[in-house]
């Protein structure tokens, strides 16, 4: 008997392209996660309409509608209580979660960041990589902890930085690989093949082999 698919909620702030990569992956009957809700801190986030068109429940919690951060997060947590997620995926969610929020779902929140962490945490990663003279850039899927972009790494993918690249061109090249890496990382997590133990991501079994044409590395692979 197949294990039930892991209930997954995706947090977004923008167009939701990584969210849609997860949604498309979850359409496969053998994918171990299902997207049961999408939450945004912006009512006009483009990804909300995309999720709704797929029949996925959507929720917008606009920060200015709440007196403070605690009340804002309390509303989100109440929605999560109704959705009962096994996993929370941050996909371009541009608001830092509080320590209390993270502790409530500790070890069950993952994020994708457009750099090869621990290099270039935070914002403006693409321009910073170019300015630093890097030859390689990429993206990272990691567990979320209280330190910004400091959680244990689940997987990374690398792309070249080419002569003449602008931040926008590099961002587009990385985004294409993000759309491949995030579904693979979520699959591993949902299958129970990776988990967070203390400050480390621990692989419980070998991961599926990534395509040889891609510079993608997943824990256990």
N, C-alpha and C. Protein backbone atom coordinates (compact mmCIF):
# COMPACT_ATOMS: atom_id res chain seq x y z
N UNK A 1 0.85 -1.19 0.00
CA UNK A 1 0.00 0.00 0.00
C UNK A 1 0.89 1.24 0.00
N UNK A 2 0.58 2.19 -0.90
CA UNK A 2 1.37 3.39 -1.00
C UNK A 2 1.17 4.29 0.21
N UNK A 3 2.23 4.99 0.62
CA UNK A 3 2.11 5.95 1.71
C UNK A 3 1.31 7.15 1.23
N UNK A 4 0.53 7.77 2.12
CA UNK A 4 -0.21 8.97 1.71
C UNK A 4 0.75 10.09 1.34
N UNK A 5 0.34 10.88 0.37
CA UNK A 5 1.18 11.99 -0.05
C UNK A 5 1.25 13.05 1.05
N UNK A 6 2.40 13.68 1.17
CA UNK A 6 2.60 14.68 2.21
C UNK A 6 1.89 15.98 1.84
N UNK A 7 1.09 16.46 2.77
CA UNK A 7 0.36 17.70 2.56
C UNK A 7 1.35 18.87 2.62
N UNK A 8 1.36 19.67 1.57
CA UNK A 8 2.36 20.73 1.43
C UNK A 8 1.68 22.06 1.17
N UNK A 9 2.08 23.08 1.93
CA UNK A 9 1.61 24.45 1.73
C UNK A 9 2.79 25.28 1.24
N UNK A 10 2.55 26.09 0.22
CA UNK A 10 3.59 26.92 -0.37
C UNK A 10 3.35 28.39 -0.02
N UNK A 11 4.39 29.07 0.43
CA UNK A 11 4.34 30.50 0.74
C UNK A 11 4.99 31.27 -0.41
N UNK A 12 4.33 32.32 -0.90
CA UNK A 12 4.86 33.13 -2.00
C UNK A 12 4.65 34.61 -1.70
N UNK A 13 5.39 35.44 -2.44
CA UNK A 13 5.15 36.89 -2.39
C UNK A 13 4.99 37.47 -3.79
N UNK A 14 5.28 36.69 -4.82
CA UNK A 14 5.28 37.23 -6.18
C UNK A 14 4.59 36.34 -7.19
N UNK A 15 5.25 36.16 -8.33
CA UNK A 15 4.61 35.48 -9.47
C UNK A 15 4.42 33.99 -9.26
N UNK A 16 5.17 33.41 -8.35
CA UNK A 16 4.96 32.01 -8.02
C UNK A 16 5.51 31.02 -9.03
N UNK A 17 6.62 31.36 -9.69
CA UNK A 17 7.15 30.43 -10.69
C UNK A 17 7.69 29.15 -10.04
N UNK A 18 8.35 29.27 -8.91
CA UNK A 18 8.81 28.06 -8.21
C UNK A 18 7.62 27.28 -7.64
N UNK A 19 6.61 28.00 -7.18
CA UNK A 19 5.39 27.33 -6.72
C UNK A 19 4.80 26.49 -7.85
N UNK A 20 4.74 27.06 -9.06
CA UNK A 20 4.16 26.32 -10.18
C UNK A 20 5.02 25.12 -10.57
N UNK A 21 6.33 25.22 -10.38
CA UNK A 21 7.18 24.05 -10.63
C UNK A 21 6.81 22.92 -9.68
N UNK A 22 6.52 23.26 -8.43
CA UNK A 22 6.09 22.26 -7.46
C UNK A 22 4.70 21.72 -7.80
N UNK A 23 3.81 22.61 -8.21
CA UNK A 23 2.45 22.19 -8.58
C UNK A 23 2.50 21.22 -9.76
N UNK A 24 3.31 21.54 -10.76
CA UNK A 24 3.41 20.66 -11.93
C UNK A 24 3.99 19.30 -11.54
N UNK A 25 5.01 19.31 -10.68
CA UNK A 25 5.59 18.03 -10.24
C UNK A 25 4.56 17.19 -9.50
N UNK A 26 3.74 17.87 -8.68
CA UNK A 26 2.77 17.16 -7.85
C UNK A 26 1.61 16.57 -8.66
N UNK A 27 1.51 16.94 -9.93
CA UNK A 27 0.46 16.35 -10.77
C UNK A 27 0.76 14.89 -11.11
N UNK A 28 2.00 14.48 -10.97
CA UNK A 28 2.34 13.07 -11.21
C UNK A 28 1.80 12.22 -10.07
N UNK A 29 1.14 11.15 -10.42
CA UNK A 29 0.49 10.31 -9.41
C UNK A 29 1.49 9.73 -8.42
N UNK A 30 2.73 9.54 -8.86
CA UNK A 30 3.72 8.93 -7.97
C UNK A 30 4.56 9.96 -7.22
N UNK A 31 4.23 11.25 -7.36
CA UNK A 31 4.97 12.27 -6.62
C UNK A 31 4.52 12.23 -5.16
N UNK A 32 5.45 12.28 -4.20
CA UNK A 32 5.09 12.01 -2.80
C UNK A 32 4.51 13.19 -2.04
N UNK A 33 4.28 14.32 -2.71
CA UNK A 33 3.70 15.48 -2.03
C UNK A 33 2.54 16.02 -2.85
N UNK A 34 1.57 16.61 -2.17
CA UNK A 34 0.47 17.30 -2.84
C UNK A 34 0.39 18.72 -2.29
N UNK A 35 0.10 19.68 -3.17
CA UNK A 35 0.00 21.08 -2.77
C UNK A 35 -1.43 21.34 -2.33
N UNK A 36 -1.63 21.60 -1.04
CA UNK A 36 -2.98 21.74 -0.49
C UNK A 36 -3.35 23.19 -0.19
N UNK A 37 -2.41 24.11 -0.37
CA UNK A 37 -2.72 25.51 -0.13
C UNK A 37 -1.55 26.39 -0.50
N UNK A 38 -1.86 27.64 -0.85
CA UNK A 38 -0.84 28.65 -1.14
C UNK A 38 -1.16 29.89 -0.33
N UNK A 39 -0.16 30.38 0.39
CA UNK A 39 -0.31 31.53 1.27
C UNK A 39 0.61 32.64 0.79
N UNK A 40 0.11 33.88 0.77
CA UNK A 40 0.93 35.02 0.38
C UNK A 40 0.75 36.16 1.37
N UNK A 41 1.79 37.01 1.46
CA UNK A 41 1.68 38.23 2.25
C UNK A 41 1.26 39.40 1.38
N UNK A 42 0.95 39.15 0.12
CA UNK A 42 0.53 40.20 -0.81
C UNK A 42 -0.74 39.75 -1.53
N UNK A 43 -1.79 40.57 -1.44
CA UNK A 43 -3.06 40.21 -2.05
C UNK A 43 -2.97 40.16 -3.57
N UNK A 44 -2.03 40.94 -4.14
CA UNK A 44 -1.91 41.00 -5.59
C UNK A 44 -0.79 40.13 -6.14
N UNK A 45 -0.28 39.23 -5.33
CA UNK A 45 0.78 38.32 -5.81
C UNK A 45 0.25 37.51 -7.00
N UNK A 46 0.99 37.54 -8.10
CA UNK A 46 0.54 36.86 -9.31
C UNK A 46 0.35 35.37 -9.14
N UNK A 47 1.11 34.79 -8.23
CA UNK A 47 1.01 33.35 -8.03
C UNK A 47 -0.32 32.90 -7.45
N UNK A 48 -1.04 33.79 -6.78
CA UNK A 48 -2.33 33.41 -6.19
C UNK A 48 -3.33 33.02 -7.28
N UNK A 49 -3.39 33.81 -8.35
CA UNK A 49 -4.31 33.50 -9.44
C UNK A 49 -3.91 32.20 -10.13
N UNK A 50 -2.60 31.97 -10.27
CA UNK A 50 -2.13 30.73 -10.89
C UNK A 50 -2.53 29.52 -10.05
N UNK A 51 -2.38 29.64 -8.74
CA UNK A 51 -2.75 28.53 -7.86
C UNK A 51 -4.26 28.29 -7.90
N UNK A 52 -5.03 29.38 -7.86
CA UNK A 52 -6.49 29.25 -7.90
C UNK A 52 -6.94 28.58 -9.19
N UNK A 53 -6.27 28.89 -10.30
CA UNK A 53 -6.62 28.27 -11.58
C UNK A 53 -6.36 26.77 -11.57
N UNK A 54 -5.49 26.32 -10.67
CA UNK A 54 -5.21 24.89 -10.53
C UNK A 54 -6.12 24.24 -9.49
N UNK A 55 -7.05 25.03 -8.93
CA UNK A 55 -7.97 24.49 -7.94
C UNK A 55 -7.38 24.39 -6.55
N UNK A 56 -6.30 25.12 -6.30
CA UNK A 56 -5.62 25.07 -5.00
C UNK A 56 -6.13 26.22 -4.14
N UNK A 57 -6.54 25.97 -2.90
CA UNK A 57 -6.99 27.05 -2.02
C UNK A 57 -5.88 28.08 -1.81
N UNK A 58 -6.24 29.36 -1.85
CA UNK A 58 -5.26 30.43 -1.68
C UNK A 58 -5.69 31.35 -0.54
N UNK A 59 -4.68 31.96 0.09
CA UNK A 59 -4.91 32.83 1.24
C UNK A 59 -3.93 33.99 1.17
N UNK A 60 -4.43 35.21 1.39
CA UNK A 60 -3.57 36.39 1.43
C UNK A 60 -3.67 37.02 2.82
N UNK A 61 -2.53 37.22 3.43
CA UNK A 61 -2.44 37.87 4.74
C UNK A 61 -1.52 39.07 4.60
N UNK A 62 -2.11 40.23 4.36
CA UNK A 62 -1.35 41.45 4.10
C UNK A 62 -0.89 42.05 5.42
N UNK A 63 0.39 42.29 5.53
CA UNK A 63 0.97 42.72 6.81
C UNK A 63 0.30 43.96 7.37
N UNK A 64 -0.02 44.94 6.52
CA UNK A 64 -0.57 46.20 7.03
C UNK A 64 -1.98 46.04 7.60
N UNK A 65 -2.60 44.92 7.35
CA UNK A 65 -3.94 44.67 7.89
C UNK A 65 -3.90 44.21 9.35
N UNK A 66 -2.70 44.05 9.88
CA UNK A 66 -2.53 43.55 11.26
C UNK A 66 -1.71 44.54 12.07
N UNK A 67 -2.00 44.62 13.35
CA UNK A 67 -1.37 45.63 14.21
C UNK A 67 0.13 45.40 14.36
N UNK A 68 0.55 44.15 14.34
CA UNK A 68 1.97 43.86 14.53
C UNK A 68 2.30 42.49 13.91
N UNK A 69 3.57 42.16 13.95
CA UNK A 69 4.04 40.91 13.36
C UNK A 69 3.41 39.70 14.03
N UNK A 70 3.25 39.76 15.35
CA UNK A 70 2.67 38.63 16.08
C UNK A 70 1.26 38.32 15.59
N UNK A 71 0.44 39.38 15.42
CA UNK A 71 -0.93 39.17 14.96
C UNK A 71 -0.96 38.66 13.52
N UNK A 72 -0.06 39.18 12.71
CA UNK A 72 0.03 38.72 11.32
C UNK A 72 0.34 37.23 11.27
N UNK A 73 1.34 36.82 12.03
CA UNK A 73 1.72 35.41 12.01
C UNK A 73 0.67 34.53 12.68
N UNK A 74 -0.04 35.08 13.66
CA UNK A 74 -1.10 34.30 14.30
C UNK A 74 -2.20 33.95 13.29
N UNK A 75 -2.52 34.89 12.41
CA UNK A 75 -3.53 34.62 11.39
C UNK A 75 -3.05 33.54 10.42
N UNK A 76 -1.78 33.62 10.05
CA UNK A 76 -1.22 32.60 9.15
C UNK A 76 -1.21 31.24 9.82
N UNK A 77 -0.81 31.21 11.09
CA UNK A 77 -0.77 29.95 11.82
C UNK A 77 -2.16 29.33 11.96
N UNK A 78 -3.17 30.18 12.12
CA UNK A 78 -4.54 29.67 12.21
C UNK A 78 -4.95 28.99 10.90
N UNK A 79 -4.55 29.60 9.78
CA UNK A 79 -4.85 28.99 8.48
C UNK A 79 -4.10 27.66 8.33
N UNK A 80 -2.87 27.63 8.80
CA UNK A 80 -2.09 26.39 8.73
C UNK A 80 -2.71 25.30 9.60
N UNK A 81 -3.28 25.69 10.73
CA UNK A 81 -3.95 24.70 11.57
C UNK A 81 -5.09 24.03 10.81
N UNK A 82 -5.78 24.81 9.97
CA UNK A 82 -6.87 24.25 9.17
C UNK A 82 -6.34 23.37 8.04
N UNK A 83 -5.22 23.78 7.44
CA UNK A 83 -4.67 23.05 6.30
C UNK A 83 -3.89 21.80 6.71
N UNK A 84 -3.41 21.78 7.95
CA UNK A 84 -2.65 20.65 8.50
C UNK A 84 -1.52 20.17 7.59
N UNK A 85 -0.59 21.06 7.25
CA UNK A 85 0.49 20.63 6.36
C UNK A 85 1.52 19.76 7.06
N UNK A 86 2.09 18.84 6.29
CA UNK A 86 3.26 18.10 6.75
C UNK A 86 4.53 18.88 6.44
N UNK A 87 4.48 19.68 5.36
CA UNK A 87 5.64 20.41 4.87
C UNK A 87 5.20 21.82 4.47
N UNK A 88 6.05 22.80 4.75
CA UNK A 88 5.85 24.17 4.27
C UNK A 88 7.02 24.51 3.36
N UNK A 89 6.71 24.95 2.14
CA UNK A 89 7.74 25.35 1.18
C UNK A 89 7.69 26.86 0.98
N UNK A 90 8.77 27.55 1.29
CA UNK A 90 8.88 28.97 0.98
C UNK A 90 9.41 29.09 -0.44
N UNK A 91 8.67 29.80 -1.28
CA UNK A 91 9.03 29.91 -2.69
C UNK A 91 8.93 31.38 -3.11
N UNK A 92 9.97 32.12 -2.79
CA UNK A 92 9.93 33.56 -3.06
C UNK A 92 9.08 34.30 -2.05
N UNK A 93 9.03 33.80 -0.82
CA UNK A 93 8.31 34.49 0.25
C UNK A 93 9.28 35.48 0.88
N UNK A 94 8.97 36.77 0.75
CA UNK A 94 9.95 37.82 1.06
C UNK A 94 9.79 38.41 2.45
N UNK A 95 9.24 37.64 3.36
CA UNK A 95 9.08 38.11 4.73
C UNK A 95 9.74 37.11 5.68
N UNK A 96 10.54 37.61 6.61
CA UNK A 96 11.21 36.73 7.56
C UNK A 96 10.20 36.18 8.56
N UNK A 97 10.27 34.90 8.83
CA UNK A 97 9.42 34.27 9.83
C UNK A 97 10.06 34.41 11.20
N UNK A 98 9.24 34.58 12.21
CA UNK A 98 9.76 34.72 13.57
C UNK A 98 10.28 33.38 14.09
N UNK A 99 11.10 33.46 15.13
CA UNK A 99 11.59 32.24 15.76
C UNK A 99 10.46 31.39 16.30
N UNK A 100 9.43 32.04 16.86
CA UNK A 100 8.30 31.29 17.41
C UNK A 100 7.55 30.54 16.31
N UNK A 101 7.39 31.18 15.15
CA UNK A 101 6.72 30.53 14.02
C UNK A 101 7.53 29.33 13.56
N UNK A 102 8.82 29.53 13.40
CA UNK A 102 9.68 28.44 12.91
C UNK A 102 9.70 27.28 13.89
N UNK A 103 9.76 27.58 15.18
CA UNK A 103 9.78 26.52 16.19
C UNK A 103 8.51 25.69 16.15
N UNK A 104 7.39 26.33 15.84
CA UNK A 104 6.11 25.62 15.78
C UNK A 104 6.12 24.54 14.68
N UNK A 105 6.86 24.80 13.63
CA UNK A 105 6.93 23.86 12.50
C UNK A 105 8.38 23.43 12.25
N UNK A 106 9.15 23.32 13.30
CA UNK A 106 10.58 23.06 13.18
C UNK A 106 10.86 21.76 12.42
N UNK A 107 11.81 21.86 11.48
CA UNK A 107 12.18 20.69 10.70
C UNK A 107 11.23 20.37 9.56
N UNK A 108 10.20 21.20 9.37
CA UNK A 108 9.21 20.94 8.33
C UNK A 108 9.09 22.08 7.33
N UNK A 109 9.93 23.11 7.48
CA UNK A 109 9.91 24.26 6.58
C UNK A 109 11.18 24.24 5.73
N UNK A 110 11.01 24.32 4.40
CA UNK A 110 12.16 24.41 3.51
C UNK A 110 12.03 25.65 2.63
N UNK A 111 13.16 26.10 2.10
CA UNK A 111 13.21 27.33 1.32
C UNK A 111 14.15 27.14 0.15
N UNK A 112 13.91 27.89 -0.92
CA UNK A 112 14.87 27.94 -2.02
C UNK A 112 15.45 29.34 -2.09
N UNK A 113 16.77 29.41 -2.20
CA UNK A 113 17.48 30.69 -2.21
C UNK A 113 18.38 30.75 -3.44
N UNK A 114 18.41 31.90 -4.14
CA UNK A 114 19.15 31.98 -5.41
C UNK A 114 20.64 32.25 -5.27
N UNK A 115 21.31 31.48 -4.44
CA UNK A 115 22.77 31.50 -4.39
C UNK A 115 23.25 30.16 -3.86
N UNK A 116 24.54 29.93 -3.97
CA UNK A 116 25.14 28.73 -3.40
C UNK A 116 25.52 29.03 -1.96
N UNK A 117 24.54 28.90 -1.08
CA UNK A 117 24.80 29.17 0.34
C UNK A 117 25.94 28.29 0.85
N UNK A 118 26.77 28.81 1.76
CA UNK A 118 26.59 30.03 2.55
C UNK A 118 27.00 31.33 1.87
N UNK A 119 27.35 31.30 0.59
CA UNK A 119 27.66 32.54 -0.11
C UNK A 119 26.39 33.34 -0.38
N UNK A 120 26.47 34.63 -0.19
CA UNK A 120 25.44 35.58 -0.58
C UNK A 120 24.04 35.28 -0.03
N UNK A 121 23.89 35.20 1.29
CA UNK A 121 22.55 35.14 1.87
C UNK A 121 21.86 36.49 1.69
N UNK A 122 20.55 36.51 1.88
CA UNK A 122 19.83 37.78 1.80
C UNK A 122 19.48 38.17 0.38
N UNK A 123 19.44 39.48 0.15
CA UNK A 123 18.94 40.02 -1.12
C UNK A 123 20.07 40.33 -2.09
N UNK A 124 19.68 40.64 -3.35
CA UNK A 124 20.59 41.10 -4.40
C UNK A 124 21.72 40.10 -4.66
N UNK A 125 21.39 38.83 -4.58
CA UNK A 125 22.41 37.79 -4.67
C UNK A 125 23.12 37.77 -6.03
N UNK A 126 22.37 38.00 -7.09
CA UNK A 126 22.96 37.87 -8.42
C UNK A 126 23.98 38.98 -8.68
N UNK A 127 23.63 40.21 -8.35
CA UNK A 127 24.58 41.31 -8.55
C UNK A 127 25.79 41.15 -7.65
N UNK A 128 25.56 40.68 -6.44
CA UNK A 128 26.68 40.49 -5.51
C UNK A 128 27.65 39.42 -6.02
N UNK A 129 27.11 38.37 -6.63
CA UNK A 129 27.97 37.33 -7.18
C UNK A 129 28.80 37.87 -8.35
N UNK A 130 28.16 38.67 -9.20
CA UNK A 130 28.88 39.27 -10.33
C UNK A 130 29.95 40.23 -9.82
N UNK A 131 29.58 41.09 -8.87
CA UNK A 131 30.52 42.08 -8.34
C UNK A 131 31.72 41.42 -7.66
N UNK A 132 31.51 40.24 -7.10
CA UNK A 132 32.59 39.54 -6.40
C UNK A 132 33.52 38.80 -7.36
N UNK A 133 33.19 38.83 -8.66
CA UNK A 133 34.02 38.16 -9.64
C UNK A 133 33.86 36.65 -9.66
N UNK A 134 32.72 36.16 -9.17
CA UNK A 134 32.48 34.72 -9.15
C UNK A 134 32.34 34.17 -10.57
N UNK A 135 32.76 32.94 -10.77
CA UNK A 135 32.60 32.26 -12.06
C UNK A 135 31.40 31.32 -12.04
N UNK A 136 30.96 30.96 -10.84
CA UNK A 136 29.86 30.02 -10.66
C UNK A 136 28.84 30.65 -9.71
N UNK A 137 27.57 30.50 -10.05
CA UNK A 137 26.48 30.90 -9.16
C UNK A 137 25.52 29.72 -9.08
N UNK A 138 24.36 29.93 -8.48
CA UNK A 138 23.42 28.82 -8.40
C UNK A 138 22.33 29.05 -7.40
N UNK A 139 21.76 27.96 -6.90
CA UNK A 139 20.65 28.04 -5.95
C UNK A 139 20.76 26.91 -4.94
N UNK A 140 20.07 27.10 -3.83
CA UNK A 140 20.14 26.17 -2.70
C UNK A 140 18.75 25.93 -2.14
N UNK A 141 18.41 24.69 -1.87
CA UNK A 141 17.23 24.36 -1.07
C UNK A 141 17.74 23.95 0.31
N UNK A 142 17.16 24.57 1.34
CA UNK A 142 17.65 24.32 2.70
C UNK A 142 16.50 24.32 3.69
N UNK A 143 16.72 23.69 4.83
CA UNK A 143 15.77 23.79 5.93
C UNK A 143 15.80 25.21 6.49
N UNK A 144 14.67 25.66 6.97
CA UNK A 144 14.57 27.01 7.53
C UNK A 144 14.81 26.96 9.03
N UNK A 145 15.75 27.78 9.47
CA UNK A 145 16.03 27.96 10.89
C UNK A 145 15.93 29.45 11.20
N UNK A 146 16.19 29.82 12.45
CA UNK A 146 16.00 31.22 12.83
C UNK A 146 17.00 32.16 12.18
N UNK A 147 18.18 31.69 11.83
CA UNK A 147 19.14 32.52 11.12
C UNK A 147 18.78 32.61 9.64
N UNK A 148 18.78 33.82 9.07
CA UNK A 148 18.37 34.00 7.68
C UNK A 148 19.28 33.23 6.73
N UNK A 149 18.68 32.32 5.96
CA UNK A 149 19.39 31.54 4.95
C UNK A 149 20.56 30.74 5.54
N UNK A 150 20.43 30.33 6.80
CA UNK A 150 21.50 29.60 7.47
C UNK A 150 21.18 28.13 7.71
N UNK A 151 20.00 27.67 7.33
CA UNK A 151 19.59 26.31 7.66
C UNK A 151 20.35 25.25 6.88
N UNK A 152 20.31 24.00 7.36
CA UNK A 152 21.02 22.90 6.71
C UNK A 152 20.60 22.72 5.24
N UNK A 153 21.59 22.47 4.41
CA UNK A 153 21.38 22.37 2.96
C UNK A 153 20.86 20.99 2.57
N UNK A 154 19.80 20.98 1.77
CA UNK A 154 19.25 19.75 1.21
C UNK A 154 19.83 19.49 -0.18
N UNK A 155 19.91 20.53 -0.99
CA UNK A 155 20.43 20.36 -2.34
C UNK A 155 20.87 21.68 -2.93
N UNK A 156 21.76 21.62 -3.91
CA UNK A 156 22.24 22.81 -4.60
C UNK A 156 22.39 22.53 -6.08
N UNK A 157 22.28 23.58 -6.88
CA UNK A 157 22.51 23.49 -8.32
C UNK A 157 23.36 24.67 -8.74
N UNK A 158 24.33 24.43 -9.61
CA UNK A 158 25.26 25.46 -10.04
C UNK A 158 25.06 25.80 -11.51
N UNK A 159 25.27 27.08 -11.84
CA UNK A 159 25.27 27.54 -13.23
C UNK A 159 26.47 28.46 -13.42
N UNK A 160 26.96 28.60 -14.65
CA UNK A 160 28.09 29.49 -14.87
C UNK A 160 27.67 30.95 -14.89
N UNK A 161 28.58 31.81 -14.49
CA UNK A 161 28.43 33.25 -14.72
C UNK A 161 29.26 33.57 -15.95
N UNK A 162 28.61 34.11 -16.97
CA UNK A 162 29.26 34.34 -18.25
C UNK A 162 29.67 35.80 -18.40
N UNK A 163 30.67 36.04 -19.22
CA UNK A 163 31.12 37.41 -19.48
C UNK A 163 29.96 38.25 -19.99
N UNK A 164 29.80 39.42 -19.42
CA UNK A 164 28.73 40.31 -19.85
C UNK A 164 27.40 40.08 -19.17
N UNK A 165 27.32 39.08 -18.30
CA UNK A 165 26.06 38.83 -17.59
C UNK A 165 25.64 40.05 -16.78
N UNK A 166 24.36 40.38 -16.86
CA UNK A 166 23.76 41.31 -15.92
C UNK A 166 23.08 40.50 -14.83
N UNK A 167 22.68 41.19 -13.76
CA UNK A 167 21.97 40.49 -12.69
C UNK A 167 20.69 39.84 -13.22
N UNK A 168 20.02 40.53 -14.15
CA UNK A 168 18.76 40.01 -14.68
C UNK A 168 18.98 38.75 -15.51
N UNK A 169 20.03 38.77 -16.34
CA UNK A 169 20.32 37.60 -17.17
C UNK A 169 20.71 36.41 -16.30
N UNK A 170 21.56 36.66 -15.31
CA UNK A 170 21.99 35.59 -14.42
C UNK A 170 20.81 35.05 -13.63
N UNK A 171 19.93 35.94 -13.17
CA UNK A 171 18.75 35.51 -12.41
C UNK A 171 17.89 34.56 -13.24
N UNK A 172 17.72 34.88 -14.52
CA UNK A 172 16.92 34.01 -15.38
C UNK A 172 17.55 32.64 -15.57
N UNK A 173 18.88 32.61 -15.71
CA UNK A 173 19.57 31.34 -15.87
C UNK A 173 19.44 30.48 -14.61
N UNK A 174 19.56 31.13 -13.46
CA UNK A 174 19.44 30.39 -12.20
C UNK A 174 18.01 29.93 -11.98
N UNK A 175 17.03 30.77 -12.33
CA UNK A 175 15.63 30.42 -12.10
C UNK A 175 15.25 29.14 -12.83
N UNK A 176 15.77 28.97 -14.04
CA UNK A 176 15.49 27.75 -14.79
C UNK A 176 15.91 26.51 -14.00
N UNK A 177 17.06 26.60 -13.34
CA UNK A 177 17.56 25.46 -12.57
C UNK A 177 16.82 25.34 -11.23
N UNK A 178 16.39 26.47 -10.66
CA UNK A 178 15.57 26.42 -9.45
C UNK A 178 14.34 25.55 -9.69
N UNK A 179 13.74 25.70 -10.87
CA UNK A 179 12.52 24.96 -11.18
C UNK A 179 12.77 23.46 -11.28
N UNK A 180 14.02 23.06 -11.48
CA UNK A 180 14.37 21.64 -11.48
C UNK A 180 14.74 21.16 -10.07
N UNK A 181 15.51 21.98 -9.37
CA UNK A 181 16.02 21.57 -8.06
C UNK A 181 14.93 21.46 -7.01
N UNK A 182 14.02 22.44 -6.95
CA UNK A 182 13.06 22.46 -5.85
C UNK A 182 12.15 21.23 -5.85
N UNK A 183 11.58 20.84 -7.00
CA UNK A 183 10.76 19.62 -6.98
C UNK A 183 11.54 18.37 -6.57
N UNK A 184 12.82 18.30 -6.98
CA UNK A 184 13.63 17.14 -6.59
C UNK A 184 13.87 17.13 -5.08
N UNK A 185 14.16 18.31 -4.52
CA UNK A 185 14.42 18.39 -3.08
C UNK A 185 13.16 18.09 -2.27
N UNK A 186 12.02 18.63 -2.71
CA UNK A 186 10.77 18.34 -2.01
C UNK A 186 10.45 16.85 -2.08
N UNK A 187 10.71 16.24 -3.21
CA UNK A 187 10.47 14.80 -3.35
C UNK A 187 11.28 14.01 -2.32
N UNK A 188 12.56 14.34 -2.20
CA UNK A 188 13.41 13.66 -1.22
C UNK A 188 12.85 13.82 0.19
N UNK A 189 12.48 15.05 0.53
CA UNK A 189 11.99 15.34 1.87
C UNK A 189 10.67 14.61 2.12
N UNK A 190 9.76 14.66 1.16
CA UNK A 190 8.45 14.03 1.33
C UNK A 190 8.56 12.52 1.43
N UNK A 191 9.57 11.95 0.79
CA UNK A 191 9.79 10.50 0.86
C UNK A 191 10.49 10.08 2.14
N UNK A 192 10.86 11.05 2.96
CA UNK A 192 11.56 10.74 4.20
C UNK A 192 13.02 10.39 4.00
N UNK A 193 13.57 10.77 2.86
CA UNK A 193 14.97 10.44 2.56
C UNK A 193 15.95 11.49 3.06
N UNK A 194 15.43 12.59 3.58
CA UNK A 194 16.28 13.60 4.20
C UNK A 194 15.48 14.22 5.35
N UNK A 195 16.17 14.56 6.43
CA UNK A 195 15.53 15.20 7.56
C UNK A 195 16.54 16.10 8.25
N UNK A 196 16.03 16.99 9.08
CA UNK A 196 16.92 17.87 9.83
C UNK A 196 17.17 17.28 11.21
N UNK A 197 18.44 17.13 11.54
CA UNK A 197 18.84 16.67 12.87
C UNK A 197 19.82 17.69 13.43
N UNK A 198 19.38 18.41 14.45
CA UNK A 198 20.22 19.47 14.99
C UNK A 198 20.46 20.53 13.93
N UNK A 199 21.71 20.78 13.61
CA UNK A 199 22.05 21.80 12.62
C UNK A 199 22.46 21.18 11.29
N UNK A 200 22.09 19.92 11.07
CA UNK A 200 22.50 19.24 9.85
C UNK A 200 21.30 18.63 9.13
N UNK A 201 21.42 18.56 7.81
CA UNK A 201 20.48 17.79 7.01
C UNK A 201 21.06 16.41 6.84
N UNK A 202 20.30 15.40 7.19
CA UNK A 202 20.80 14.03 7.19
C UNK A 202 20.03 13.22 6.16
N UNK A 203 20.75 12.60 5.23
CA UNK A 203 20.13 11.72 4.25
C UNK A 203 19.94 10.34 4.85
N UNK A 204 18.74 9.80 4.72
CA UNK A 204 18.46 8.47 5.27
C UNK A 204 18.67 7.37 4.25
N UNK A 205 18.77 7.77 2.97
CA UNK A 205 19.04 6.80 1.91
C UNK A 205 19.56 7.56 0.72
N UNK A 206 20.13 6.87 -0.23
CA UNK A 206 20.68 7.54 -1.41
C UNK A 206 19.56 8.20 -2.21
N UNK A 207 19.83 9.40 -2.69
CA UNK A 207 18.84 10.11 -3.49
C UNK A 207 18.84 9.58 -4.91
N UNK A 208 17.78 9.94 -5.63
CA UNK A 208 17.74 9.61 -7.05
C UNK A 208 18.86 10.36 -7.76
N UNK A 209 19.40 9.74 -8.78
CA UNK A 209 20.50 10.37 -9.51
C UNK A 209 19.98 11.53 -10.32
N UNK A 210 20.61 12.69 -10.17
CA UNK A 210 20.24 13.86 -10.96
C UNK A 210 20.74 13.67 -12.39
N UNK A 211 20.07 14.33 -13.36
CA UNK A 211 20.54 14.23 -14.75
C UNK A 211 22.00 14.65 -14.85
N UNK A 212 22.78 13.89 -15.61
CA UNK A 212 24.22 14.17 -15.68
C UNK A 212 24.52 15.50 -16.33
N UNK A 213 23.58 16.01 -17.13
CA UNK A 213 23.82 17.28 -17.81
C UNK A 213 23.66 18.47 -16.86
N UNK A 214 23.16 18.22 -15.67
CA UNK A 214 22.92 19.30 -14.73
C UNK A 214 23.91 19.23 -13.57
N UNK A 215 24.39 20.39 -13.16
CA UNK A 215 25.24 20.45 -11.98
C UNK A 215 24.35 20.56 -10.75
N UNK A 216 23.66 19.48 -10.44
CA UNK A 216 22.74 19.44 -9.31
C UNK A 216 23.25 18.42 -8.30
N UNK A 217 23.30 18.82 -7.05
CA UNK A 217 23.75 17.91 -5.99
C UNK A 217 22.71 17.89 -4.89
N UNK A 218 22.16 16.71 -4.62
CA UNK A 218 21.19 16.53 -3.55
C UNK A 218 21.81 15.66 -2.47
N UNK A 219 21.43 15.91 -1.23
CA UNK A 219 21.99 15.14 -0.13
C UNK A 219 21.74 13.66 -0.35
N UNK A 220 22.77 12.86 -0.10
CA UNK A 220 22.66 11.43 -0.31
C UNK A 220 22.96 10.99 -1.72
N UNK A 221 23.09 11.99 -2.65
CA UNK A 221 23.34 11.63 -4.05
C UNK A 221 24.82 11.48 -4.35
